[in-house]
N, C-alpha and C. Protein backbone atom coordinates (compact mmCIF):
# COMPACT_ATOMS: atom_id res chain seq x y z
N MET A 1 2.04 -20.06 -20.47
CA MET A 1 2.06 -20.27 -19.04
C MET A 1 2.86 -19.13 -18.40
N ASN A 2 2.26 -18.48 -17.41
CA ASN A 2 2.87 -17.35 -16.70
C ASN A 2 3.45 -17.80 -15.37
N ASN A 3 4.66 -17.36 -15.07
CA ASN A 3 5.37 -17.82 -13.89
C ASN A 3 6.08 -16.67 -13.20
N LEU A 4 5.92 -16.59 -11.90
CA LEU A 4 6.69 -15.62 -11.12
C LEU A 4 8.03 -16.26 -10.80
N ILE A 5 9.10 -15.59 -11.17
CA ILE A 5 10.44 -16.06 -10.83
C ILE A 5 10.83 -15.29 -9.57
N ASN A 6 10.93 -16.00 -8.46
CA ASN A 6 11.16 -15.37 -7.18
C ASN A 6 12.53 -14.68 -7.15
N THR A 7 12.64 -13.71 -6.30
CA THR A 7 13.84 -12.88 -6.19
C THR A 7 15.10 -13.72 -6.04
N ASN A 8 15.06 -14.75 -5.21
CA ASN A 8 16.27 -15.55 -4.97
C ASN A 8 16.78 -16.20 -6.25
N VAL A 9 15.88 -16.62 -7.12
CA VAL A 9 16.27 -17.27 -8.37
C VAL A 9 16.89 -16.25 -9.33
N VAL A 10 16.34 -15.05 -9.37
CA VAL A 10 16.89 -13.99 -10.23
C VAL A 10 18.30 -13.63 -9.77
N ILE A 11 18.48 -13.50 -8.47
CA ILE A 11 19.81 -13.17 -7.95
C ILE A 11 20.79 -14.32 -8.20
N ASP A 12 20.32 -15.56 -8.09
CA ASP A 12 21.17 -16.71 -8.42
C ASP A 12 21.70 -16.58 -9.85
N LEU A 13 20.82 -16.18 -10.75
CA LEU A 13 21.20 -16.02 -12.15
C LEU A 13 22.21 -14.89 -12.32
N LEU A 14 21.86 -13.71 -11.84
CA LEU A 14 22.68 -12.53 -12.10
C LEU A 14 24.06 -12.60 -11.46
N LEU A 15 24.14 -13.24 -10.30
CA LEU A 15 25.42 -13.34 -9.60
C LEU A 15 26.10 -14.70 -9.78
N LYS A 16 25.47 -15.54 -10.61
CA LYS A 16 26.01 -16.88 -10.91
C LYS A 16 26.35 -17.64 -9.62
N ARG A 17 25.39 -17.62 -8.69
CA ARG A 17 25.61 -18.28 -7.41
C ARG A 17 25.51 -19.80 -7.55
N THR A 18 26.56 -20.46 -7.10
CA THR A 18 26.56 -21.92 -7.11
C THR A 18 25.97 -22.41 -5.79
N PRO A 19 25.29 -23.52 -5.81
CA PRO A 19 25.05 -24.46 -6.91
C PRO A 19 23.76 -24.16 -7.68
N PHE A 20 23.20 -22.97 -7.53
CA PHE A 20 21.87 -22.65 -8.05
C PHE A 20 21.87 -22.06 -9.46
N TYR A 21 23.03 -21.64 -9.93
CA TYR A 21 23.11 -20.90 -11.20
C TYR A 21 22.57 -21.68 -12.39
N LYS A 22 22.91 -22.95 -12.49
CA LYS A 22 22.55 -23.73 -13.69
C LYS A 22 21.03 -23.78 -13.89
N ASP A 23 20.28 -24.04 -12.82
CA ASP A 23 18.81 -24.05 -12.95
C ASP A 23 18.29 -22.67 -13.32
N ALA A 24 18.85 -21.63 -12.71
CA ALA A 24 18.40 -20.26 -13.02
C ALA A 24 18.69 -19.92 -14.48
N GLN A 25 19.84 -20.33 -14.96
CA GLN A 25 20.20 -20.11 -16.36
C GLN A 25 19.25 -20.87 -17.28
N ASN A 26 18.93 -22.10 -16.94
CA ASN A 26 18.00 -22.88 -17.76
C ASN A 26 16.60 -22.26 -17.78
N ILE A 27 16.19 -21.69 -16.67
CA ILE A 27 14.89 -20.99 -16.63
C ILE A 27 14.90 -19.84 -17.63
N MET A 28 15.97 -19.07 -17.65
CA MET A 28 16.04 -17.93 -18.57
C MET A 28 16.06 -18.40 -20.02
N LEU A 29 16.69 -19.53 -20.29
CA LEU A 29 16.67 -20.07 -21.66
C LEU A 29 15.26 -20.47 -22.06
N ILE A 30 14.52 -21.05 -21.14
CA ILE A 30 13.12 -21.41 -21.39
C ILE A 30 12.29 -20.15 -21.68
N LEU A 31 12.55 -19.10 -20.91
CA LEU A 31 11.81 -17.85 -21.12
C LEU A 31 12.20 -17.19 -22.44
N GLU A 32 13.49 -17.23 -22.76
CA GLU A 32 13.96 -16.66 -24.03
C GLU A 32 13.33 -17.36 -25.22
N LYS A 33 13.17 -18.68 -25.11
CA LYS A 33 12.57 -19.46 -26.20
C LYS A 33 11.04 -19.33 -26.22
N LYS A 34 10.50 -18.58 -25.26
CA LYS A 34 9.06 -18.33 -25.15
C LYS A 34 8.25 -19.61 -24.93
N ILE A 35 8.88 -20.58 -24.29
CA ILE A 35 8.17 -21.79 -23.87
C ILE A 35 7.23 -21.43 -22.72
N ALA A 36 7.63 -20.43 -21.94
CA ALA A 36 6.85 -19.92 -20.83
C ALA A 36 7.16 -18.43 -20.69
N THR A 37 6.32 -17.73 -19.94
CA THR A 37 6.54 -16.32 -19.68
C THR A 37 6.91 -16.14 -18.22
N GLY A 38 7.92 -15.33 -17.98
CA GLY A 38 8.38 -15.09 -16.62
C GLY A 38 8.10 -13.67 -16.16
N TYR A 39 7.79 -13.55 -14.89
CA TYR A 39 7.54 -12.27 -14.25
C TYR A 39 8.37 -12.18 -12.97
N ILE A 40 8.71 -10.96 -12.59
CA ILE A 40 9.13 -10.67 -11.23
C ILE A 40 8.23 -9.54 -10.75
N SER A 41 8.06 -9.43 -9.46
CA SER A 41 7.21 -8.36 -8.96
C SER A 41 7.99 -7.04 -9.00
N ALA A 42 7.28 -5.97 -9.27
CA ALA A 42 7.90 -4.65 -9.31
C ALA A 42 8.59 -4.33 -7.99
N SER A 43 8.04 -4.84 -6.91
CA SER A 43 8.62 -4.56 -5.60
C SER A 43 9.99 -5.21 -5.42
N ALA A 44 10.32 -6.19 -6.23
CA ALA A 44 11.61 -6.88 -6.11
C ALA A 44 12.73 -6.20 -6.89
N VAL A 45 12.39 -5.33 -7.81
CA VAL A 45 13.39 -4.75 -8.70
C VAL A 45 14.46 -3.98 -7.94
N THR A 46 14.08 -3.13 -7.02
CA THR A 46 15.09 -2.33 -6.30
C THR A 46 15.95 -3.21 -5.40
N TYR A 47 15.35 -4.24 -4.82
CA TYR A 47 16.13 -5.15 -3.98
C TYR A 47 17.14 -5.91 -4.83
N ILE A 48 16.72 -6.38 -5.99
CA ILE A 48 17.64 -7.08 -6.90
C ILE A 48 18.78 -6.16 -7.29
N TYR A 49 18.44 -4.91 -7.64
CA TYR A 49 19.48 -3.94 -7.99
C TYR A 49 20.47 -3.79 -6.84
N TYR A 50 19.96 -3.61 -5.62
CA TYR A 50 20.80 -3.40 -4.46
C TYR A 50 21.76 -4.57 -4.24
N ILE A 51 21.26 -5.79 -4.27
CA ILE A 51 22.09 -6.97 -4.02
C ILE A 51 23.14 -7.15 -5.12
N VAL A 52 22.74 -6.98 -6.37
CA VAL A 52 23.68 -7.15 -7.48
C VAL A 52 24.74 -6.06 -7.45
N TYR A 53 24.34 -4.82 -7.24
CA TYR A 53 25.31 -3.71 -7.18
C TYR A 53 26.27 -3.89 -6.00
N LYS A 54 25.75 -4.31 -4.87
CA LYS A 54 26.58 -4.53 -3.68
C LYS A 54 27.65 -5.58 -3.97
N SER A 55 27.30 -6.59 -4.74
CA SER A 55 28.24 -7.65 -5.08
C SER A 55 29.23 -7.21 -6.17
N LEU A 56 28.73 -6.59 -7.21
CA LEU A 56 29.58 -6.22 -8.35
C LEU A 56 30.36 -4.93 -8.13
N LYS A 57 29.79 -4.04 -7.33
CA LYS A 57 30.40 -2.73 -7.05
C LYS A 57 30.64 -1.92 -8.32
N CYS A 58 29.75 -2.12 -9.29
CA CYS A 58 29.86 -1.40 -10.56
C CYS A 58 28.44 -1.11 -11.06
N LYS A 59 28.11 0.18 -11.07
CA LYS A 59 26.76 0.58 -11.47
C LYS A 59 26.47 0.19 -12.92
N GLN A 60 27.41 0.42 -13.82
CA GLN A 60 27.17 0.13 -15.23
C GLN A 60 26.96 -1.37 -15.46
N ALA A 61 27.76 -2.21 -14.81
CA ALA A 61 27.60 -3.66 -14.95
C ALA A 61 26.24 -4.10 -14.41
N THR A 62 25.83 -3.49 -13.32
CA THR A 62 24.52 -3.82 -12.74
C THR A 62 23.41 -3.42 -13.69
N TYR A 63 23.48 -2.21 -14.24
CA TYR A 63 22.46 -1.77 -15.20
C TYR A 63 22.43 -2.67 -16.43
N THR A 64 23.59 -3.08 -16.90
CA THR A 64 23.66 -3.96 -18.07
C THR A 64 22.95 -5.28 -17.79
N LEU A 65 23.23 -5.89 -16.64
CA LEU A 65 22.57 -7.15 -16.28
C LEU A 65 21.07 -6.98 -16.16
N LEU A 66 20.63 -5.90 -15.53
CA LEU A 66 19.19 -5.68 -15.37
C LEU A 66 18.52 -5.42 -16.71
N ASN A 67 19.16 -4.68 -17.58
CA ASN A 67 18.58 -4.47 -18.91
C ASN A 67 18.46 -5.78 -19.68
N GLN A 68 19.46 -6.64 -19.56
CA GLN A 68 19.38 -7.95 -20.21
C GLN A 68 18.24 -8.77 -19.61
N LEU A 69 18.13 -8.75 -18.29
CA LEU A 69 17.07 -9.48 -17.61
C LEU A 69 15.69 -9.01 -18.08
N PHE A 70 15.49 -7.69 -18.13
CA PHE A 70 14.17 -7.16 -18.47
C PHE A 70 13.87 -7.22 -19.96
N SER A 71 14.81 -7.68 -20.75
CA SER A 71 14.49 -7.97 -22.15
C SER A 71 13.86 -9.36 -22.28
N ILE A 72 13.96 -10.15 -21.20
CA ILE A 72 13.44 -11.52 -21.19
C ILE A 72 12.23 -11.67 -20.27
N ILE A 73 12.26 -10.97 -19.17
CA ILE A 73 11.27 -11.18 -18.11
C ILE A 73 10.39 -9.95 -17.95
N CYS A 74 9.13 -10.16 -17.62
CA CYS A 74 8.16 -9.09 -17.44
C CYS A 74 8.10 -8.68 -15.96
N ILE A 75 7.50 -7.53 -15.74
CA ILE A 75 7.36 -7.05 -14.37
C ILE A 75 5.88 -7.05 -13.98
N ALA A 76 5.58 -7.75 -12.89
CA ALA A 76 4.22 -7.80 -12.36
C ALA A 76 3.97 -6.53 -11.54
N THR A 77 2.88 -5.88 -11.82
CA THR A 77 2.55 -4.61 -11.18
C THR A 77 2.35 -4.76 -9.68
N VAL A 78 2.92 -3.82 -8.96
CA VAL A 78 2.65 -3.67 -7.53
C VAL A 78 2.16 -2.25 -7.34
N ASP A 79 0.91 -2.13 -6.95
CA ASP A 79 0.32 -0.80 -6.78
C ASP A 79 -0.37 -0.71 -5.42
N ASN A 80 -1.10 0.34 -5.22
CA ASN A 80 -1.80 0.59 -3.96
C ASN A 80 -2.69 -0.59 -3.57
N GLU A 81 -3.45 -1.11 -4.53
CA GLU A 81 -4.35 -2.22 -4.26
C GLU A 81 -3.59 -3.47 -3.81
N ILE A 82 -2.49 -3.79 -4.49
CA ILE A 82 -1.68 -4.96 -4.15
C ILE A 82 -1.13 -4.82 -2.72
N ILE A 83 -0.60 -3.66 -2.41
CA ILE A 83 -0.03 -3.44 -1.08
C ILE A 83 -1.09 -3.59 0.00
N HIS A 84 -2.25 -3.01 -0.21
CA HIS A 84 -3.33 -3.12 0.79
C HIS A 84 -3.81 -4.56 0.95
N LYS A 85 -3.94 -5.28 -0.14
CA LYS A 85 -4.33 -6.68 -0.04
C LYS A 85 -3.28 -7.48 0.73
N ALA A 86 -2.02 -7.22 0.45
CA ALA A 86 -0.94 -7.93 1.15
C ALA A 86 -0.92 -7.59 2.64
N LEU A 87 -1.13 -6.33 2.95
CA LEU A 87 -1.17 -5.93 4.36
C LEU A 87 -2.29 -6.64 5.11
N ASN A 88 -3.41 -6.79 4.45
CA ASN A 88 -4.58 -7.40 5.10
C ASN A 88 -4.54 -8.92 5.10
N ALA A 89 -3.59 -9.51 4.39
CA ALA A 89 -3.48 -10.97 4.35
C ALA A 89 -2.74 -11.52 5.57
N HIS A 90 -1.94 -10.68 6.21
CA HIS A 90 -1.24 -11.04 7.45
C HIS A 90 -0.32 -12.25 7.32
N TRP A 91 0.43 -12.34 6.23
CA TRP A 91 1.43 -13.40 6.10
C TRP A 91 2.59 -13.10 7.03
N ASP A 92 3.36 -14.13 7.38
CA ASP A 92 4.56 -13.93 8.20
C ASP A 92 5.59 -13.09 7.45
N ASP A 93 5.72 -13.31 6.14
CA ASP A 93 6.71 -12.59 5.33
C ASP A 93 5.97 -11.65 4.38
N PHE A 94 6.02 -10.36 4.67
CA PHE A 94 5.29 -9.37 3.88
C PHE A 94 5.78 -9.34 2.44
N GLU A 95 7.09 -9.43 2.22
CA GLU A 95 7.62 -9.39 0.86
C GLU A 95 7.06 -10.53 0.01
N ASP A 96 7.03 -11.73 0.57
CA ASP A 96 6.47 -12.87 -0.15
C ASP A 96 4.98 -12.66 -0.42
N CYS A 97 4.29 -12.07 0.53
CA CYS A 97 2.87 -11.82 0.36
C CYS A 97 2.62 -10.81 -0.76
N VAL A 98 3.44 -9.77 -0.84
CA VAL A 98 3.31 -8.80 -1.93
C VAL A 98 3.52 -9.50 -3.27
N GLN A 99 4.55 -10.35 -3.35
CA GLN A 99 4.80 -11.07 -4.60
C GLN A 99 3.63 -11.98 -4.95
N PHE A 100 3.12 -12.70 -3.97
CA PHE A 100 1.98 -13.58 -4.21
C PHE A 100 0.76 -12.78 -4.66
N THR A 101 0.48 -11.67 -4.02
CA THR A 101 -0.68 -10.85 -4.37
C THR A 101 -0.53 -10.27 -5.78
N ALA A 102 0.69 -9.88 -6.14
CA ALA A 102 0.94 -9.42 -7.51
C ALA A 102 0.71 -10.55 -8.50
N CYS A 103 1.06 -11.78 -8.10
CA CYS A 103 0.83 -12.96 -8.95
C CYS A 103 -0.65 -13.14 -9.25
N LYS A 104 -1.45 -13.00 -8.24
CA LYS A 104 -2.88 -13.22 -8.43
C LYS A 104 -3.45 -12.24 -9.45
N ASN A 105 -2.93 -11.04 -9.52
CA ASN A 105 -3.40 -10.05 -10.48
C ASN A 105 -2.80 -10.25 -11.88
N SER A 106 -1.77 -11.08 -11.99
CA SER A 106 -1.10 -11.30 -13.28
C SER A 106 -1.35 -12.69 -13.84
N ASN A 107 -2.33 -13.40 -13.30
CA ASN A 107 -2.67 -14.74 -13.79
C ASN A 107 -1.47 -15.67 -13.85
N ILE A 108 -0.74 -15.73 -12.75
CA ILE A 108 0.46 -16.55 -12.65
C ILE A 108 0.06 -18.00 -12.37
N ASP A 109 0.72 -18.93 -13.07
CA ASP A 109 0.46 -20.36 -12.90
C ASP A 109 1.35 -20.99 -11.84
N TYR A 110 2.62 -20.58 -11.79
CA TYR A 110 3.58 -21.13 -10.84
C TYR A 110 4.44 -20.03 -10.25
N ILE A 111 4.85 -20.24 -9.00
CA ILE A 111 5.86 -19.40 -8.37
C ILE A 111 7.13 -20.24 -8.32
N VAL A 112 8.16 -19.81 -9.02
CA VAL A 112 9.41 -20.55 -9.09
C VAL A 112 10.34 -20.00 -8.01
N THR A 113 10.63 -20.84 -7.02
CA THR A 113 11.39 -20.38 -5.86
C THR A 113 12.19 -21.53 -5.26
N ARG A 114 13.28 -21.17 -4.59
CA ARG A 114 14.01 -22.18 -3.82
C ARG A 114 13.39 -22.34 -2.43
N ASN A 115 12.53 -21.43 -2.04
CA ASN A 115 11.93 -21.44 -0.71
C ASN A 115 10.46 -21.83 -0.78
N LEU A 116 10.20 -23.09 -1.03
CA LEU A 116 8.82 -23.56 -1.18
C LEU A 116 7.98 -23.28 0.06
N ASN A 117 8.57 -23.37 1.23
CA ASN A 117 7.82 -23.15 2.48
C ASN A 117 7.25 -21.74 2.56
N ASP A 118 7.89 -20.78 1.91
CA ASP A 118 7.39 -19.40 1.95
C ASP A 118 6.02 -19.27 1.29
N PHE A 119 5.69 -20.20 0.41
CA PHE A 119 4.43 -20.13 -0.34
C PHE A 119 3.58 -21.38 -0.11
N MET A 120 3.82 -22.06 1.01
CA MET A 120 3.14 -23.32 1.31
C MET A 120 1.62 -23.16 1.35
N ASN A 121 1.13 -22.06 1.86
CA ASN A 121 -0.31 -21.87 1.99
C ASN A 121 -0.91 -21.02 0.87
N ALA A 122 -0.12 -20.76 -0.15
CA ALA A 122 -0.58 -19.94 -1.27
C ALA A 122 -1.49 -20.76 -2.19
N SER A 123 -2.40 -20.08 -2.84
CA SER A 123 -3.31 -20.76 -3.77
C SER A 123 -2.68 -20.95 -5.15
N ILE A 124 -1.45 -20.49 -5.33
CA ILE A 124 -0.68 -20.70 -6.56
C ILE A 124 0.43 -21.68 -6.21
N THR A 125 0.63 -22.67 -7.05
CA THR A 125 1.63 -23.70 -6.78
C THR A 125 3.04 -23.13 -6.83
N ALA A 126 3.82 -23.41 -5.79
CA ALA A 126 5.24 -23.07 -5.77
C ALA A 126 6.01 -24.29 -6.26
N ILE A 127 7.04 -24.04 -7.06
CA ILE A 127 7.83 -25.11 -7.64
C ILE A 127 9.30 -24.71 -7.58
N THR A 128 10.17 -25.68 -7.38
CA THR A 128 11.60 -25.38 -7.34
C THR A 128 12.10 -25.04 -8.75
N PRO A 129 13.21 -24.33 -8.84
CA PRO A 129 13.77 -24.06 -10.18
C PRO A 129 14.03 -25.34 -10.97
N GLY A 130 14.61 -26.36 -10.33
CA GLY A 130 14.85 -27.63 -11.03
C GLY A 130 13.57 -28.31 -11.47
N GLY A 131 12.56 -28.27 -10.61
CA GLY A 131 11.25 -28.84 -10.95
C GLY A 131 10.61 -28.11 -12.11
N PHE A 132 10.75 -26.79 -12.13
CA PHE A 132 10.21 -25.98 -13.22
C PHE A 132 10.89 -26.33 -14.54
N VAL A 133 12.21 -26.42 -14.51
CA VAL A 133 12.96 -26.75 -15.73
C VAL A 133 12.51 -28.10 -16.26
N GLN A 134 12.41 -29.09 -15.39
CA GLN A 134 11.96 -30.42 -15.82
C GLN A 134 10.55 -30.37 -16.41
N LYS A 135 9.66 -29.66 -15.75
CA LYS A 135 8.28 -29.54 -16.22
C LYS A 135 8.22 -28.91 -17.60
N MET A 136 8.99 -27.86 -17.82
CA MET A 136 8.96 -27.15 -19.10
C MET A 136 9.63 -27.96 -20.20
N LEU A 137 10.68 -28.68 -19.88
CA LEU A 137 11.36 -29.49 -20.89
C LEU A 137 10.51 -30.66 -21.35
N HIS A 138 9.70 -31.19 -20.44
CA HIS A 138 8.81 -32.30 -20.80
C HIS A 138 7.54 -31.80 -21.50
N LYS A 139 7.31 -30.50 -21.45
CA LYS A 139 6.14 -29.89 -22.09
C LYS A 139 6.35 -29.73 -23.58
N GLU A 140 7.61 -29.49 -23.98
CA GLU A 140 7.91 -29.23 -25.40
C GLU A 140 7.48 -30.34 -26.30
């Protein structure tokens, strides 16, 4: 099962943001055990770097966290075609639309996000981090 892990959930994990950290950590454990496969969109990588570096104020610590993350999670391609499709979809939030469009090209089953409303009209089911963890634990 392929799942897009939305930017907010990745940042929750890397910065150990409460009260969201525990679910984000459990998602990574599920991905590490290969119960499911996780993706982030390529377009989110630089934003994640920026937010984590801004918080940690240490380039090496940021690189270490990102290297650990990318040993577990895959990157969904964002290319010319994805950007053009997203531009022509006319969503209110372009970033979310790019992520959704990248999902469609990567055969994603779920979008794991704390912001379900951002993907309310998407043809891929959005699920909360806690809902995802419960779903995967009951799948085993």
